[in-house]
N, C-alpha and C. Protein backbone atom coordinates (compact mmCIF):
# COMPACT_ATOMS: atom_id res chain seq x y z
N UNK A 1 95.17 30.95 -321.79
CA UNK A 1 94.96 30.70 -320.45
C UNK A 1 93.84 32.63 -320.88
N UNK A 2 92.86 31.92 -319.75
CA UNK A 2 91.55 32.38 -320.06
C UNK A 2 91.45 33.54 -319.14
N UNK A 3 91.32 34.81 -320.31
CA UNK A 3 91.01 35.62 -319.51
C UNK A 3 89.73 35.98 -319.15
N UNK A 4 90.42 37.22 -318.31
CA UNK A 4 88.93 37.14 -316.87
C UNK A 4 88.03 38.93 -317.18
N UNK A 5 87.37 38.95 -317.35
CA UNK A 5 86.98 40.02 -318.58
C UNK A 5 86.91 41.24 -317.15
N UNK A 6 87.47 42.54 -317.21
CA UNK A 6 87.74 43.54 -316.14
C UNK A 6 86.68 43.79 -314.99
N UNK A 7 85.26 44.09 -315.53
CA UNK A 7 84.70 44.11 -314.56
C UNK A 7 84.25 43.22 -313.92
N UNK A 8 84.20 41.44 -313.94
CA UNK A 8 84.68 40.30 -312.75
C UNK A 8 85.68 40.73 -312.46
N UNK A 9 86.59 41.13 -312.96
CA UNK A 9 87.47 41.13 -311.62
C UNK A 9 87.55 42.15 -310.66
N UNK A 10 86.76 43.00 -310.89
CA UNK A 10 86.84 43.94 -309.89
C UNK A 10 85.41 43.24 -308.97
N UNK A 11 84.74 42.66 -309.68
CA UNK A 11 83.12 42.38 -308.36
C UNK A 11 84.02 40.88 -307.88
N UNK A 12 84.95 40.94 -308.45
CA UNK A 12 85.75 39.22 -307.23
C UNK A 12 85.95 40.21 -306.01
N UNK A 13 86.84 40.89 -306.66
CA UNK A 13 87.87 41.89 -305.57
C UNK A 13 86.88 42.38 -304.38
N UNK A 14 85.43 42.82 -304.70
CA UNK A 14 84.98 43.56 -303.92
C UNK A 14 84.34 42.64 -302.65
N UNK A 15 84.19 41.57 -303.55
CA UNK A 15 83.32 40.48 -302.48
C UNK A 15 84.63 39.76 -301.62
N UNK A 16 85.54 39.74 -302.36
CA UNK A 16 86.92 39.48 -301.14
C UNK A 16 86.81 40.67 -299.70
N UNK A 17 87.51 41.73 -300.66
CA UNK A 17 86.98 43.07 -299.43
C UNK A 17 85.93 42.70 -297.92
N UNK A 18 84.52 42.73 -298.80
CA UNK A 18 83.49 42.40 -298.09
C UNK A 18 83.34 41.36 -296.68
N UNK A 19 84.35 40.08 -297.58
CA UNK A 19 83.79 38.37 -296.43
C UNK A 19 85.27 39.07 -295.59
N UNK A 20 86.36 39.21 -296.24
CA UNK A 20 87.20 39.64 -295.52
C UNK A 20 86.83 40.70 -293.86
N UNK A 21 86.33 41.89 -293.94
CA UNK A 21 86.01 42.45 -293.32
C UNK A 21 84.45 41.74 -292.26
N UNK A 22 84.27 40.84 -293.10
CA UNK A 22 82.72 40.62 -291.99
C UNK A 22 83.79 39.24 -291.27
N UNK A 23 84.46 38.67 -291.28
CA UNK A 23 84.94 37.41 -290.54
C UNK A 23 86.24 38.53 -289.66
N UNK A 24 86.27 39.50 -289.88
CA UNK A 24 87.47 40.07 -288.94
C UNK A 24 86.12 40.87 -288.42
N UNK A 25 85.17 41.30 -288.03
CA UNK A 25 84.43 41.81 -287.37
C UNK A 25 83.81 40.29 -286.67
N UNK A 26 83.10 39.08 -287.02
CA UNK A 26 83.23 38.32 -286.70
C UNK A 26 84.01 37.83 -285.25
N UNK A 27 85.39 38.03 -285.54
CA UNK A 27 86.11 37.43 -284.96
C UNK A 27 86.76 38.63 -283.39
N UNK A 28 86.19 39.56 -283.76
CA UNK A 28 86.37 40.84 -282.41
C UNK A 28 85.43 40.59 -282.03
N UNK A 29 84.00 40.48 -282.18
CA UNK A 29 82.80 39.86 -281.17
C UNK A 29 82.88 38.86 -280.58
N UNK A 30 84.02 37.69 -280.54
CA UNK A 30 84.12 36.77 -280.37
C UNK A 30 84.56 36.87 -279.08
N UNK A 31 85.61 37.88 -279.29
CA UNK A 31 86.67 38.19 -278.64
C UNK A 31 86.71 39.01 -277.18
N UNK A 32 85.44 39.98 -277.38
CA UNK A 32 84.83 40.78 -276.21
C UNK A 32 83.20 40.82 -276.28
N UNK A 33 82.90 39.79 -276.37
CA UNK A 33 81.35 38.85 -275.60
C UNK A 33 81.76 38.13 -274.52
N UNK A 34 80.46 38.57 -273.56
CA UNK A 34 80.71 38.29 -272.53
C UNK A 34 80.72 36.17 -273.01
N UNK A 35 79.60 35.92 -273.27
CA UNK A 35 78.58 35.41 -273.89
C UNK A 35 79.91 33.68 -274.69
N UNK A 36 80.63 34.52 -274.58
CA UNK A 36 81.58 33.50 -275.88
C UNK A 36 83.17 33.73 -274.81
N UNK A 37 83.25 33.68 -273.64
CA UNK A 37 83.89 33.43 -272.51
C UNK A 37 84.84 33.72 -273.17
N UNK A 38 85.62 35.44 -273.43
CA UNK A 38 86.87 35.22 -274.25
C UNK A 38 87.16 36.84 -274.64
N UNK A 39 88.31 37.35 -273.78
CA UNK A 39 88.57 38.76 -273.81
C UNK A 39 89.56 39.26 -273.95
N UNK A 40 90.00 39.89 -274.69
CA UNK A 40 91.51 40.63 -275.19
C UNK A 40 92.48 40.47 -274.70
N UNK A 41 93.97 40.64 -273.78
CA UNK A 41 94.63 40.87 -272.98
C UNK A 41 95.38 39.24 -271.98
N UNK A 42 95.05 38.13 -273.10
CA UNK A 42 95.72 37.39 -272.03
C UNK A 42 96.93 37.50 -272.42
N UNK A 43 98.00 37.26 -271.42
CA UNK A 43 99.18 37.71 -272.22
C UNK A 43 99.87 36.59 -272.67
N UNK A 44 99.40 35.27 -273.05
CA UNK A 44 100.04 34.39 -273.58
C UNK A 44 100.14 33.41 -274.33
N UNK A 45 98.06 34.15 -275.20
CA UNK A 45 97.86 33.86 -275.79
C UNK A 45 96.52 34.13 -276.65
N UNK A 46 96.76 35.77 -277.12
CA UNK A 46 95.90 36.90 -276.84
C UNK A 46 94.26 36.88 -276.06
N UNK A 47 93.83 36.28 -275.99
CA UNK A 47 92.69 36.04 -274.94
C UNK A 47 92.90 35.88 -273.75
N UNK A 48 91.94 35.87 -273.42
CA UNK A 48 91.71 35.68 -271.85
C UNK A 48 90.02 35.00 -271.78
N UNK A 49 90.37 33.79 -271.31
CA UNK A 49 89.22 32.75 -271.69
C UNK A 49 88.92 32.33 -270.05
N UNK A 50 87.75 32.41 -270.01
CA UNK A 50 87.04 32.08 -269.19
C UNK A 50 85.63 30.55 -268.81
N UNK A 51 87.07 29.98 -267.84
CA UNK A 51 86.50 28.37 -267.56
C UNK A 51 85.13 28.26 -266.69
N UNK A 52 83.91 27.92 -267.57
CA UNK A 52 82.54 27.02 -266.73
C UNK A 52 83.85 25.82 -265.53
N UNK A 53 82.60 26.45 -264.56
CA UNK A 53 82.73 24.67 -262.86
C UNK A 53 82.01 23.73 -263.84
N UNK A 54 82.18 22.56 -263.45
CA UNK A 54 81.72 20.85 -264.06
C UNK A 54 81.12 20.53 -262.63
N UNK A 55 80.61 19.31 -262.83
CA UNK A 55 80.09 19.12 -261.83
C UNK A 55 79.95 19.30 -260.79
N UNK A 56 80.39 18.32 -259.64
CA UNK A 56 79.84 19.10 -258.43
C UNK A 56 79.43 20.86 -257.69
N UNK A 57 80.78 21.65 -258.98
CA UNK A 57 81.16 22.85 -258.16
C UNK A 57 79.85 23.36 -258.91
N UNK A 58 79.52 22.93 -260.11
CA UNK A 58 78.19 23.90 -261.04
C UNK A 58 77.30 23.70 -260.57
N UNK A 59 76.46 22.42 -260.05
CA UNK A 59 75.54 22.06 -259.64
C UNK A 59 74.83 22.87 -258.66
N UNK A 60 75.87 23.28 -257.47
CA UNK A 60 75.94 24.49 -256.42
C UNK A 60 75.19 25.73 -257.06
N UNK A 61 75.59 25.98 -258.70
CA UNK A 61 74.77 27.20 -258.96
C UNK A 61 73.35 27.45 -259.35
N UNK A 62 72.54 27.91 -258.62
CA UNK A 62 70.99 27.54 -258.58
C UNK A 62 70.00 28.31 -258.47
N UNK A 63 69.52 28.70 -259.26
CA UNK A 63 68.10 30.35 -259.08
C UNK A 63 68.98 31.91 -259.32
N UNK A 64 69.83 31.96 -260.30
CA UNK A 64 70.44 33.13 -261.52
C UNK A 64 70.25 33.95 -260.33
N UNK A 65 70.92 33.70 -259.33
CA UNK A 65 71.89 34.67 -258.60
C UNK A 65 73.24 35.00 -259.21
N UNK A 66 72.92 36.64 -259.26
CA UNK A 66 74.20 37.43 -259.86
C UNK A 66 75.16 37.80 -258.98
N UNK A 67 76.24 38.16 -259.34
CA UNK A 67 77.44 37.90 -259.25
C UNK A 67 78.94 38.94 -259.69
N UNK A 68 78.63 39.96 -259.96
CA UNK A 68 79.36 41.10 -261.18
C UNK A 68 80.42 41.65 -260.23
N UNK A 69 81.77 41.67 -261.24
CA UNK A 69 83.22 42.48 -260.77
C UNK A 69 83.07 43.45 -261.22
N UNK A 70 83.70 44.35 -261.76
CA UNK A 70 84.33 45.18 -262.65
C UNK A 70 85.73 44.33 -263.94
N UNK A 71 84.99 45.18 -264.90
CA UNK A 71 85.77 44.44 -266.36
C UNK A 71 85.23 42.50 -266.53
N UNK A 72 84.78 41.55 -265.53
CA UNK A 72 84.92 40.36 -265.16
C UNK A 72 83.54 40.24 -265.46
N UNK A 73 82.09 41.09 -265.61
CA UNK A 73 80.69 40.76 -266.00
C UNK A 73 80.43 40.28 -264.91
N UNK A 74 79.46 39.27 -264.47
CA UNK A 74 78.68 37.74 -264.06
C UNK A 74 79.91 36.99 -264.46
N UNK A 75 80.50 36.68 -262.60
CA UNK A 75 81.52 35.90 -262.30
C UNK A 75 80.72 34.17 -261.90
N UNK A 76 78.88 34.44 -262.23
CA UNK A 76 78.59 33.55 -261.39
C UNK A 76 79.36 31.35 -262.39
N UNK A 77 79.37 30.77 -261.76
CA UNK A 77 80.13 29.69 -261.96
C UNK A 77 81.04 29.58 -262.99
N UNK A 78 82.02 30.28 -262.62
CA UNK A 78 83.33 30.71 -263.17
C UNK A 78 84.75 30.56 -262.65
N UNK A 79 85.66 30.36 -263.06
CA UNK A 79 86.78 29.96 -263.15
C UNK A 79 87.77 31.60 -263.06
N UNK A 80 88.41 32.40 -261.94
CA UNK A 80 89.08 33.74 -262.54
C UNK A 80 89.54 33.85 -263.26
N UNK A 81 90.04 33.13 -264.04
CA UNK A 81 91.24 33.96 -264.97
C UNK A 81 92.65 34.48 -264.46
N UNK A 82 94.05 33.88 -264.37
CA UNK A 82 95.18 35.04 -264.34
C UNK A 82 95.44 35.87 -265.14
N UNK A 83 94.79 35.93 -266.08
CA UNK A 83 94.99 36.84 -267.19
C UNK A 83 94.76 38.36 -267.19
N UNK A 84 95.11 39.03 -267.30
CA UNK A 84 95.07 40.64 -266.66
C UNK A 84 95.15 41.06 -265.66
N UNK A 85 95.78 40.20 -264.77
CA UNK A 85 95.92 40.27 -262.95
C UNK A 85 94.28 40.56 -262.52
N UNK A 86 93.43 39.19 -263.07
CA UNK A 86 92.13 39.56 -262.75
C UNK A 86 92.79 38.63 -261.06
N UNK A 87 93.35 37.69 -260.97
CA UNK A 87 93.25 36.84 -259.70
C UNK A 87 93.60 38.04 -258.54
N UNK A 88 94.41 38.79 -259.01
CA UNK A 88 95.22 40.11 -258.13
C UNK A 88 94.08 40.78 -257.72
N UNK A 89 93.45 41.72 -258.72
CA UNK A 89 92.69 42.13 -258.24
C UNK A 89 91.55 42.01 -257.47
N UNK A 90 90.71 41.09 -257.49
CA UNK A 90 89.89 41.09 -257.05
C UNK A 90 89.69 40.21 -255.40
N UNK A 91 91.39 40.08 -255.25
CA UNK A 91 91.81 39.79 -253.76
C UNK A 91 92.75 40.67 -254.05
N UNK A 92 93.28 41.93 -254.02
CA UNK A 92 93.70 43.68 -253.39
C UNK A 92 92.97 45.17 -253.99
N UNK A 93 92.10 44.80 -255.01
CA UNK A 93 91.53 45.89 -255.82
C UNK A 93 90.20 46.30 -255.62
N UNK A 94 89.97 45.56 -255.82
CA UNK A 94 88.09 45.94 -256.24
C UNK A 94 87.56 46.22 -255.03
N UNK A 95 86.23 46.58 -254.61
CA UNK A 95 85.36 46.32 -253.64
C UNK A 95 84.46 45.33 -253.69
N UNK A 96 83.57 45.71 -252.75
CA UNK A 96 82.20 44.07 -253.05
C UNK A 96 82.21 44.21 -254.46
N UNK A 97 80.87 42.79 -254.88
CA UNK A 97 80.63 42.79 -256.13
C UNK A 97 79.01 43.76 -255.83
N UNK A 98 78.54 43.37 -257.25
CA UNK A 98 76.80 43.80 -257.38
C UNK A 98 76.77 42.58 -257.18
N UNK A 99 75.43 42.53 -256.22
CA UNK A 99 74.59 41.45 -256.97
C UNK A 99 73.44 41.91 -256.68
N UNK A 100 72.57 41.04 -257.75
CA UNK A 100 71.51 40.82 -258.76
C UNK A 100 70.82 39.61 -257.96
N UNK A 101 69.46 39.47 -257.96
CA UNK A 101 68.94 38.21 -258.19
C UNK A 101 67.19 39.44 -258.66
N UNK A 102 67.20 38.83 -260.59
CA UNK A 102 65.93 39.57 -260.73
C UNK A 102 64.18 38.72 -260.37
N UNK A 103 64.42 38.11 -259.96
CA UNK A 103 63.21 36.94 -259.20
C UNK A 103 63.32 36.90 -258.36
N UNK A 104 64.05 38.74 -257.44
CA UNK A 104 63.12 38.46 -255.70
C UNK A 104 61.39 38.78 -255.66
N UNK A 105 61.11 38.75 -254.94
CA UNK A 105 59.41 38.81 -254.05
C UNK A 105 59.40 40.33 -253.72
N UNK A 106 58.88 41.45 -254.55
CA UNK A 106 59.08 42.64 -253.91
C UNK A 106 58.92 42.86 -252.74
N UNK A 107 57.91 42.07 -252.50
CA UNK A 107 57.40 42.63 -250.15
C UNK A 107 58.45 41.37 -250.15
N UNK A 108 59.36 40.62 -250.19
CA UNK A 108 60.19 40.28 -249.16
C UNK A 108 61.55 40.44 -248.70
N UNK A 109 62.01 40.34 -247.49
CA UNK A 109 63.66 40.61 -247.43
C UNK A 109 64.47 39.44 -247.42
N UNK A 110 65.52 39.59 -247.52
CA UNK A 110 66.64 38.54 -248.22
C UNK A 110 68.10 38.86 -247.28
N UNK A 111 68.64 37.94 -246.70
CA UNK A 111 69.92 37.58 -246.54
C UNK A 111 70.74 37.00 -247.09
N UNK A 112 71.67 37.97 -247.28
CA UNK A 112 73.05 37.95 -248.27
C UNK A 112 74.51 36.94 -247.74
N UNK A 113 74.49 35.52 -247.97
CA UNK A 113 75.54 35.07 -247.01
C UNK A 113 76.74 34.64 -247.98
N UNK A 114 78.07 34.97 -247.52
CA UNK A 114 79.28 34.96 -248.84
C UNK A 114 80.54 34.05 -247.36
N UNK A 115 80.43 32.65 -248.01
CA UNK A 115 81.90 31.86 -247.30
C UNK A 115 83.14 31.78 -248.48
N UNK A 116 83.84 31.33 -247.53
CA UNK A 116 85.09 30.39 -248.28
C UNK A 116 85.65 28.59 -247.18
N UNK A 117 84.24 27.59 -248.01
CA UNK A 117 84.68 26.61 -247.20
C UNK A 117 84.98 25.33 -247.33
N UNK A 118 86.53 26.64 -247.93
CA UNK A 118 87.94 25.97 -248.34
C UNK A 118 89.62 26.72 -247.79
N UNK A 119 88.51 26.46 -246.15
CA UNK A 119 90.27 27.51 -245.32
C UNK A 119 91.08 26.19 -244.18
N UNK A 120 92.06 26.05 -245.00
CA UNK A 120 92.67 26.70 -245.18
C UNK A 120 93.05 26.51 -246.75
N UNK A 121 92.67 24.69 -247.04
CA UNK A 121 92.00 24.19 -248.25
C UNK A 121 91.56 23.36 -248.20
N UNK A 122 91.38 23.67 -250.11
CA UNK A 122 89.47 22.04 -249.96
C UNK A 122 89.87 20.62 -249.18
N UNK A 123 91.22 20.28 -249.77
CA UNK A 123 91.66 18.85 -248.79
C UNK A 123 91.28 18.95 -247.67
N UNK A 124 92.15 20.32 -246.33
CA UNK A 124 91.74 19.70 -245.48
C UNK A 124 91.30 21.18 -244.97
N UNK A 125 89.48 21.39 -244.55
CA UNK A 125 89.22 22.73 -244.46
C UNK A 125 88.67 22.54 -243.15
N UNK A 126 89.43 22.88 -241.88
CA UNK A 126 89.12 22.72 -240.39
C UNK A 126 88.96 23.78 -239.80
N UNK A 127 89.21 24.79 -241.29
CA UNK A 127 88.07 26.79 -240.79
C UNK A 127 87.37 26.61 -241.33
N UNK A 128 86.33 26.34 -242.40
CA UNK A 128 85.54 26.13 -242.38
C UNK A 128 83.98 25.68 -241.37
N UNK A 129 83.51 27.33 -242.09
CA UNK A 129 83.63 28.31 -243.49
C UNK A 129 84.00 29.61 -242.42
N UNK A 130 84.70 29.87 -243.58
CA UNK A 130 84.92 31.49 -243.37
C UNK A 130 84.49 32.57 -243.81
N UNK A 131 83.99 33.20 -242.58
CA UNK A 131 82.89 33.84 -242.87
C UNK A 131 83.52 35.14 -243.72
N UNK A 132 82.62 35.63 -245.03
CA UNK A 132 83.23 36.84 -246.16
C UNK A 132 82.52 38.26 -245.73
N UNK A 133 80.92 37.71 -245.93
CA UNK A 133 79.94 38.90 -245.81
C UNK A 133 78.69 38.26 -245.52
N UNK A 134 78.18 39.08 -244.57
CA UNK A 134 76.25 39.04 -244.32
C UNK A 134 76.07 40.25 -244.67
N UNK A 135 75.28 40.42 -244.98
CA UNK A 135 74.22 41.71 -245.79
C UNK A 135 72.46 40.87 -244.89
N UNK A 136 71.79 41.35 -244.27
CA UNK A 136 70.68 41.22 -244.04
C UNK A 136 69.41 42.26 -243.92
N UNK A 137 68.31 42.11 -244.36
CA UNK A 137 66.77 43.16 -244.24
C UNK A 137 67.32 43.86 -246.20
N UNK A 138 67.76 43.08 -246.97
CA UNK A 138 67.84 43.48 -248.19
C UNK A 138 66.39 43.83 -248.90
N UNK A 139 65.67 43.81 -249.20
CA UNK A 139 64.29 44.81 -250.16
C UNK A 139 64.49 44.05 -251.00
N UNK A 140 63.78 43.21 -251.87
CA UNK A 140 63.41 41.89 -252.81
C UNK A 140 63.62 43.39 -253.86
N UNK A 141 63.02 43.93 -253.76
CA UNK A 141 62.42 45.24 -254.69
C UNK A 141 64.20 45.85 -254.92
N UNK A 142 65.66 46.45 -254.42
CA UNK A 142 66.87 46.66 -254.33
C UNK A 142 67.23 45.70 -255.01
N UNK A 143 66.90 44.24 -254.69
CA UNK A 143 68.20 42.78 -254.53
C UNK A 143 67.73 42.55 -256.17
N UNK A 144 66.63 43.21 -256.45
CA UNK A 144 66.31 42.94 -258.72
C UNK A 144 66.66 44.33 -259.43
N UNK A 145 66.85 45.50 -258.67
CA UNK A 145 67.51 46.46 -259.72
C UNK A 145 69.23 46.58 -259.10
N UNK A 146 69.76 45.19 -258.66
CA UNK A 146 70.98 45.07 -258.23
C UNK A 146 71.87 45.42 -257.00
N UNK A 147 70.57 46.29 -256.06
CA UNK A 147 71.54 47.21 -254.73
C UNK A 147 71.24 46.92 -254.22
N UNK A 148 72.72 46.64 -253.65
CA UNK A 148 72.58 45.83 -252.10
C UNK A 148 72.40 46.40 -250.98
N UNK A 149 70.70 47.23 -250.88
CA UNK A 149 71.05 47.51 -249.15
C UNK A 149 70.46 47.30 -248.18
N UNK A 150 70.92 47.06 -247.23
CA UNK A 150 70.74 46.43 -245.87
C UNK A 150 71.22 46.40 -245.02
N UNK A 151 71.14 45.67 -243.85
CA UNK A 151 72.35 46.13 -242.22
C UNK A 151 73.14 44.93 -243.24
N UNK A 152 74.18 45.36 -242.51
CA UNK A 152 75.72 44.62 -242.34
C UNK A 152 76.13 43.82 -241.33
N UNK A 153 76.32 42.17 -241.96
CA UNK A 153 76.89 41.86 -240.67
C UNK A 153 77.88 42.00 -240.16
N UNK A 154 78.34 41.45 -241.62
CA UNK A 154 80.25 40.93 -241.90
C UNK A 154 80.55 41.92 -243.15
N UNK A 155 81.23 42.95 -242.49
CA UNK A 155 82.60 43.27 -243.80
C UNK A 155 82.26 42.61 -245.35
N UNK A 156 82.03 43.35 -245.70
CA UNK A 156 82.84 42.24 -247.43
C UNK A 156 84.00 42.24 -247.32
N UNK A 157 84.43 40.84 -247.50
CA UNK A 157 86.01 40.79 -247.29
C UNK A 157 86.79 40.10 -248.50
N UNK A 158 87.43 40.87 -249.14
CA UNK A 158 87.98 40.16 -250.17
C UNK A 158 87.95 38.81 -250.28
N UNK A 159 88.46 38.23 -251.29
CA UNK A 159 88.98 36.55 -251.46
C UNK A 159 90.39 36.42 -251.82
N UNK A 160 90.61 35.59 -250.88
CA UNK A 160 92.19 36.07 -250.58
C UNK A 160 92.99 34.84 -250.04
N UNK A 161 93.03 33.46 -251.00
CA UNK A 161 93.78 31.98 -251.12
C UNK A 161 94.55 32.23 -250.34
N UNK A 162 94.63 31.35 -249.34
CA UNK A 162 96.73 31.94 -249.34
C UNK A 162 97.62 30.39 -249.76
N UNK A 163 99.03 31.57 -250.19
CA UNK A 163 99.86 30.60 -251.60
C UNK A 163 99.77 29.25 -251.42
N UNK A 164 100.13 28.69 -252.76
CA UNK A 164 100.19 27.05 -252.49
C UNK A 164 99.13 26.31 -252.21
N UNK A 165 97.37 26.91 -251.68
CA UNK A 165 96.76 26.28 -251.63
C UNK A 165 95.50 25.65 -251.98
N UNK A 166 96.34 25.76 -253.79
CA UNK A 166 94.93 25.37 -254.32
C UNK A 166 93.52 26.54 -254.48
N UNK A 167 92.66 26.14 -255.48
CA UNK A 167 91.77 26.64 -255.28
C UNK A 167 90.69 26.59 -254.73
N UNK A 168 89.56 27.47 -254.66
CA UNK A 168 89.21 28.32 -253.34
C UNK A 168 87.95 27.87 -253.84
N UNK A 169 86.31 28.19 -253.04
CA UNK A 169 85.15 28.59 -253.74
C UNK A 169 85.12 29.20 -252.78
N UNK A 170 84.45 30.48 -253.38
CA UNK A 170 83.82 31.94 -253.07
C UNK A 170 82.02 31.74 -253.00
N UNK A 171 81.18 31.43 -252.32
CA UNK A 171 80.30 30.69 -251.98
C UNK A 171 79.29 32.05 -251.81
N UNK A 172 77.92 32.38 -252.77
CA UNK A 172 77.09 32.87 -252.53
C UNK A 172 75.72 32.48 -252.10
N UNK A 173 74.92 32.37 -250.96
CA UNK A 173 73.95 32.17 -250.76
C UNK A 173 72.45 33.02 -249.91
N UNK A 174 71.55 33.03 -250.58
CA UNK A 174 70.79 34.46 -250.93
C UNK A 174 69.20 33.34 -249.47
N UNK A 175 69.20 34.11 -249.12
CA UNK A 175 67.99 33.21 -248.12
C UNK A 175 66.66 33.99 -248.08
N UNK A 176 65.31 33.88 -248.06
CA UNK A 176 64.04 34.41 -247.80
C UNK A 176 64.49 34.68 -245.95
N UNK A 177 63.64 35.92 -245.83
CA UNK A 177 64.30 36.28 -244.38
C UNK A 177 62.27 36.35 -243.57
N UNK A 178 62.59 35.05 -242.79
CA UNK A 178 61.36 35.17 -242.09
C UNK A 178 61.05 35.99 -241.58
N UNK A 179 60.10 36.97 -241.85
CA UNK A 179 59.08 37.88 -241.35
C UNK A 179 59.33 38.21 -239.43
N UNK A 180 60.07 39.44 -239.23
CA UNK A 180 60.24 40.07 -237.97
C UNK A 180 61.03 39.15 -237.01
N UNK A 181 61.82 38.36 -238.16
CA UNK A 181 63.21 36.94 -237.66
C UNK A 181 64.59 38.49 -237.14
N UNK A 182 65.02 38.51 -236.42
CA UNK A 182 65.96 39.69 -235.42
C UNK A 182 67.23 38.74 -235.67
N UNK A 183 67.85 39.00 -236.46
CA UNK A 183 69.00 38.40 -237.26
C UNK A 183 70.87 39.04 -236.98
N UNK A 184 70.83 38.45 -236.14
CA UNK A 184 72.71 38.29 -234.96
C UNK A 184 73.57 37.64 -235.10
N UNK A 185 75.04 38.63 -235.18
CA UNK A 185 75.90 37.29 -234.88
C UNK A 185 76.32 37.43 -233.12
N UNK A 186 76.64 36.16 -232.57
CA UNK A 186 77.01 36.41 -231.20
C UNK A 186 78.36 37.17 -231.02
N UNK A 187 78.39 37.58 -230.12
CA UNK A 187 79.69 37.61 -229.74
C UNK A 187 80.97 36.54 -230.56
N UNK A 188 80.72 35.81 -229.42
CA UNK A 188 81.77 34.65 -230.30
C UNK A 188 82.40 34.72 -232.14
N UNK A 189 80.39 34.80 -231.89
CA UNK A 189 81.12 34.51 -234.11
C UNK A 189 81.49 35.75 -234.40
N UNK A 190 81.23 36.82 -233.52
CA UNK A 190 82.10 38.36 -234.48
C UNK A 190 83.68 38.39 -234.20
N UNK A 191 83.72 37.49 -233.38
CA UNK A 191 84.48 37.79 -232.26
C UNK A 191 86.14 37.32 -233.35
N UNK A 192 85.81 36.22 -234.65
CA UNK A 192 86.52 35.06 -235.38
C UNK A 192 85.49 34.72 -237.02
N UNK A 193 86.02 34.94 -237.82
CA UNK A 193 85.59 35.20 -239.35
C UNK A 193 85.76 33.48 -239.83
N UNK A 194 86.56 33.04 -238.88
CA UNK A 194 86.80 31.13 -239.56
C UNK A 194 86.42 30.69 -238.98
N UNK A 195 86.01 29.12 -238.97
CA UNK A 195 85.76 28.25 -238.23
C UNK A 195 84.50 29.16 -238.17
N UNK A 196 83.01 29.31 -238.79
CA UNK A 196 82.14 29.56 -238.08
C UNK A 196 81.19 28.75 -238.85
N UNK A 197 80.16 28.47 -238.07
CA UNK A 197 79.25 27.37 -238.37
C UNK A 197 78.31 27.98 -238.84
N UNK A 198 78.47 28.23 -239.72
CA UNK A 198 77.30 28.65 -241.06
C UNK A 198 75.48 27.47 -240.74
N UNK A 199 75.75 26.88 -240.74
CA UNK A 199 74.55 25.76 -240.12
C UNK A 199 73.06 26.08 -239.33
N UNK A 200 74.63 26.25 -238.43
CA UNK A 200 73.59 26.56 -236.71
C UNK A 200 73.30 28.14 -236.76
N UNK A 201 73.85 28.95 -237.62
CA UNK A 201 73.33 30.15 -237.89
C UNK A 201 72.08 30.05 -238.88
N UNK A 202 72.21 29.49 -239.91
CA UNK A 202 70.76 29.33 -240.83
C UNK A 202 69.96 28.41 -239.92
N UNK A 203 69.88 27.53 -239.33
CA UNK A 203 68.64 26.97 -237.85
C UNK A 203 67.85 27.42 -236.96
N UNK A 204 69.10 27.72 -236.70
CA UNK A 204 68.62 29.16 -235.97
C UNK A 204 67.85 30.47 -235.99
N UNK A 205 68.42 30.87 -237.54
CA UNK A 205 66.76 32.29 -237.35
C UNK A 205 66.23 31.41 -238.74
N UNK A 206 66.54 30.44 -238.74
CA UNK A 206 64.76 29.69 -239.99
C UNK A 206 64.96 30.25 -241.10
N UNK A 207 66.67 30.11 -241.47
CA UNK A 207 66.80 30.67 -242.91
C UNK A 207 65.77 29.83 -244.03
N UNK A 208 65.84 28.50 -243.65
CA UNK A 208 65.70 27.75 -244.25
C UNK A 208 66.88 26.99 -245.57
N UNK A 209 66.13 26.64 -246.67
CA UNK A 209 67.31 26.11 -247.33
C UNK A 209 67.20 27.89 -248.63
N UNK A 210 68.38 28.18 -249.17
CA UNK A 210 68.69 29.09 -250.06
C UNK A 210 67.57 29.40 -251.34
N UNK A 211 67.10 30.27 -251.52
CA UNK A 211 66.58 30.47 -252.65
C UNK A 211 67.64 30.40 -254.04
N UNK A 212 68.37 31.36 -253.70
CA UNK A 212 69.88 31.08 -255.38
C UNK A 212 71.14 31.05 -254.24
N UNK A 213 71.93 30.28 -255.02
CA UNK A 213 73.04 30.77 -254.57
C UNK A 213 74.22 30.10 -255.78
N UNK A 214 74.82 30.75 -255.82
CA UNK A 214 76.34 31.02 -256.90
C UNK A 214 77.59 31.06 -255.67
N UNK A 215 78.92 30.31 -256.93
CA UNK A 215 79.66 30.58 -256.98
C UNK A 215 81.29 30.30 -257.35
N UNK A 216 82.71 31.43 -257.34
CA UNK A 216 82.85 30.94 -258.79
C UNK A 216 83.96 30.51 -257.60
N UNK A 217 85.32 29.79 -258.43
CA UNK A 217 86.57 30.02 -258.12
C UNK A 217 87.89 30.57 -258.40
N UNK A 218 88.81 30.96 -257.50
CA UNK A 218 90.55 31.27 -257.89
C UNK A 218 91.32 30.62 -256.53
N UNK A 219 92.67 30.45 -257.35
CA UNK A 219 93.41 31.07 -256.23
C UNK A 219 94.60 31.70 -256.47
N UNK A 220 95.87 31.64 -255.47
CA UNK A 220 96.80 32.75 -255.12
C UNK A 220 96.97 33.60 -257.03
N UNK A 221 97.26 34.69 -257.25
CA UNK A 221 97.68 35.15 -257.59
C UNK A 221 98.78 35.14 -258.34
N UNK A 222 99.71 34.39 -257.27
CA UNK A 222 101.39 34.13 -257.86
C UNK A 222 101.18 32.33 -258.31
N UNK A 223 100.57 32.11 -258.10
CA UNK A 223 100.45 30.97 -258.28
C UNK A 223 100.21 30.01 -259.78
């Protein structure tokens, strides 16, 4: 039988321990990193996977608009996972997200619109668009710093998709605000959040096309 010298045996054991430590650290980093789209805490599989949007839903996301919720990070172009009660917390607990647009022009103002185009469901969106948030007069300097200061036309409304209505898109659209444009909602618009004529609003105040847009998808937390 081949005898391994004691010093070689000790060297092999040290190398094996070092390799095991490296593998462990790499594994933990993969679970904790947002870029890896995996978080510890899934009730069933030990990880919480953040699935990216695809197809036309993915194409809606453009311009690097960032939307941050607690514990989730930037949720742009993702499905909100059910693990850790994230869907329930985004609907019932968390307040308005932090919004940042690093490319904002420091000398311009912006308008942010958040809507749900899938009310009451995506197959039959007869209440499109459901208005969740409008902020105007946002300074580019604040937007670059992730500070959403401005005049609120519609208070933030949490995403609350009805039970058994499937996934809803929650869309964030950022527009450059025309100089000296007095933007407001009509009394009829203020009276109801649903069936809001967003396109008419955009055309009326000459907002043009969004300079950036993003969205996330979520469904009722019990589904």
